[in-house]
Structures are given as C-alpha cells and as structure tokens.
Amino acid sequence: MLEALQAMGSVVLDPFLLLLIFATTIIGVVIGVLPGIGATTGAALLLPFTLTMSPVHA
C-alpha cells in the first residue's frame, strides 16, 4: 500500500507534470473566456498536443 502511494507521489509531484497542470489550467481558462469556443471545441483544439506526449504526461 505504501509503495503504491510512494509511486503515485513521485508521478504527481514531477516538476514537468506540475508545469503541465498549471499551463493547461491557464489555457482552459483562456479558452473558456473566449466567446464562441466551448468545451468541445477547446478539447478538439488541444487534442493534437497530447499525441506527442508520453502516456504518463498525457
């Protein structure tokens, strides 16, 4: 049990992953504020970026 928590902590507290979480939050807020672009369109615009990421970060 502790090993699983330790492994999860090492993945979640990765500095690059924290940067991705922060950046995508800001991008999501910007897309949400723009008129005419909803959640579906925003997800469709950002989907190609996930194809180049590793499975852990995507």
C-alpha atoms as a PDB file:
ATOM      1  CA  MET A   1       0.000   0.000   0.000  1.00  0.00           C
ATOM      2  CA  LEU A   2       2.750   2.433   0.911  1.00  0.00           C
ATOM      3  CA  GLU A   3       4.682   1.530  -2.219  1.00  0.00           C
ATOM      4  CA  ALA A   4       1.698   2.475  -4.376  1.00  0.00           C
ATOM      5  CA  LEU A   5       1.313   5.805  -2.587  1.00  0.00           C
ATOM      6  CA  GLN A   6       5.023   6.477  -2.983  1.00  0.00           C
ATOM      7  CA  ALA A   7       4.885   5.685  -6.706  1.00  0.00           C
ATOM      8  CA  MET A   8       1.837   7.906  -7.149  1.00  0.00           C
ATOM      9  CA  GLY A   9       3.548  10.736  -5.294  1.00  0.00           C
ATOM     10  CA  SER A  10       6.627  10.516  -7.474  1.00  0.00           C
ATOM     11  CA  VAL A  11       4.496  10.775 -10.626  1.00  0.00           C
ATOM     12  CA  VAL A  12       2.183  13.541  -9.404  1.00  0.00           C
ATOM     13  CA  LEU A  13       4.955  15.671  -7.914  1.00  0.00           C
ATOM     14  CA  ASP A  14       7.066  15.568 -11.075  1.00  0.00           C
ATOM     15  CA  PRO A  15       8.017  19.204 -11.867  1.00  0.00           C
ATOM     16  CA  PHE A  16       7.209  18.843 -15.583  1.00  0.00           C
ATOM     17  CA  LEU A  17       3.792  17.406 -14.776  1.00  0.00           C
ATOM     18  CA  LEU A  18       3.074  20.236 -12.331  1.00  0.00           C
ATOM     19  CA  LEU A  19       4.040  22.716 -15.069  1.00  0.00           C
ATOM     20  CA  LEU A  20       1.675  20.968 -17.498  1.00  0.00           C
ATOM     21  CA  ILE A  21      -1.161  21.098 -14.963  1.00  0.00           C
ATOM     22  CA  PHE A  22      -0.603  24.819 -14.384  1.00  0.00           C
ATOM     23  CA  ALA A  23      -0.263  25.637 -18.105  1.00  0.00           C
ATOM     24  CA  THR A  24      -3.330  23.662 -19.156  1.00  0.00           C
ATOM     25  CA  THR A  25      -5.373  25.288 -16.397  1.00  0.00           C
ATOM     26  CA  ILE A  26      -4.442  28.726 -17.726  1.00  0.00           C
ATOM     27  CA  ILE A  27      -5.154  27.629 -21.321  1.00  0.00           C
ATOM     28  CA  GLY A  28      -8.517  26.203 -20.230  1.00  0.00           C
ATOM     29  CA  VAL A  29      -9.485  29.467 -18.563  1.00  0.00           C
ATOM     30  CA  VAL A  30      -8.483  31.435 -21.671  1.00  0.00           C
ATOM     31  CA  ILE A  31     -10.466  29.102 -23.943  1.00  0.00           C
ATOM     32  CA  GLY A  32     -13.445  29.303 -21.593  1.00  0.00           C
ATOM     33  CA  VAL A  33     -13.439  33.103 -21.679  1.00  0.00           C
ATOM     34  CA  LEU A  34     -13.331  33.375 -25.476  1.00  0.00           C
ATOM     35  CA  PRO A  35     -16.807  33.718 -26.959  1.00  0.00           C
ATOM     36  CA  GLY A  36     -17.842  31.049 -29.424  1.00  0.00           C
ATOM     37  CA  ILE A  37     -15.353  28.454 -28.203  1.00  0.00           C
ATOM     38  CA  GLY A  38     -16.923  25.925 -25.867  1.00  0.00           C
ATOM     39  CA  ALA A  39     -15.544  22.925 -24.048  1.00  0.00           C
ATOM     40  CA  THR A  40     -15.936  20.621 -27.043  1.00  0.00           C
ATOM     41  CA  THR A  41     -14.128  22.951 -29.427  1.00  0.00           C
ATOM     42  CA  GLY A  42     -11.406  23.626 -26.864  1.00  0.00           C
ATOM     43  CA  ALA A  43     -10.819  19.918 -26.362  1.00  0.00           C
ATOM     44  CA  ALA A  44     -10.690  19.414 -30.127  1.00  0.00           C
ATOM     45  CA  LEU A  45      -8.105  22.192 -30.442  1.00  0.00           C
ATOM     46  CA  LEU A  46      -5.878  20.802 -27.676  1.00  0.00           C
ATOM     47  CA  LEU A  47      -6.145  17.102 -28.564  1.00  0.00           C
ATOM     48  CA  PRO A  48      -3.245  17.075 -31.102  1.00  0.00           C
ATOM     49  CA  PHE A  49      -0.829  18.227 -28.385  1.00  0.00           C
ATOM     50  CA  THR A  50      -1.483  15.058 -26.373  1.00  0.00           C
ATOM     51  CA  LEU A  51      -0.445  12.804 -29.268  1.00  0.00           C
ATOM     52  CA  THR A  52       3.215  13.824 -28.885  1.00  0.00           C
ATOM     53  CA  MET A  53       3.317  13.404 -25.082  1.00  0.00           C
ATOM     54  CA  SER A  54       4.334  10.346 -23.128  1.00  0.00           C
ATOM     55  CA  PRO A  55       1.435   8.310 -21.676  1.00  0.00           C
ATOM     56  CA  VAL A  56       2.238   9.499 -18.145  1.00  0.00           C
ATOM     57  CA  HIS A  57       2.021  13.170 -19.083  1.00  0.00           C
ATOM     58  CA  ALA A  58      -0.901  12.871 -21.492  1.00  0.00           C
END
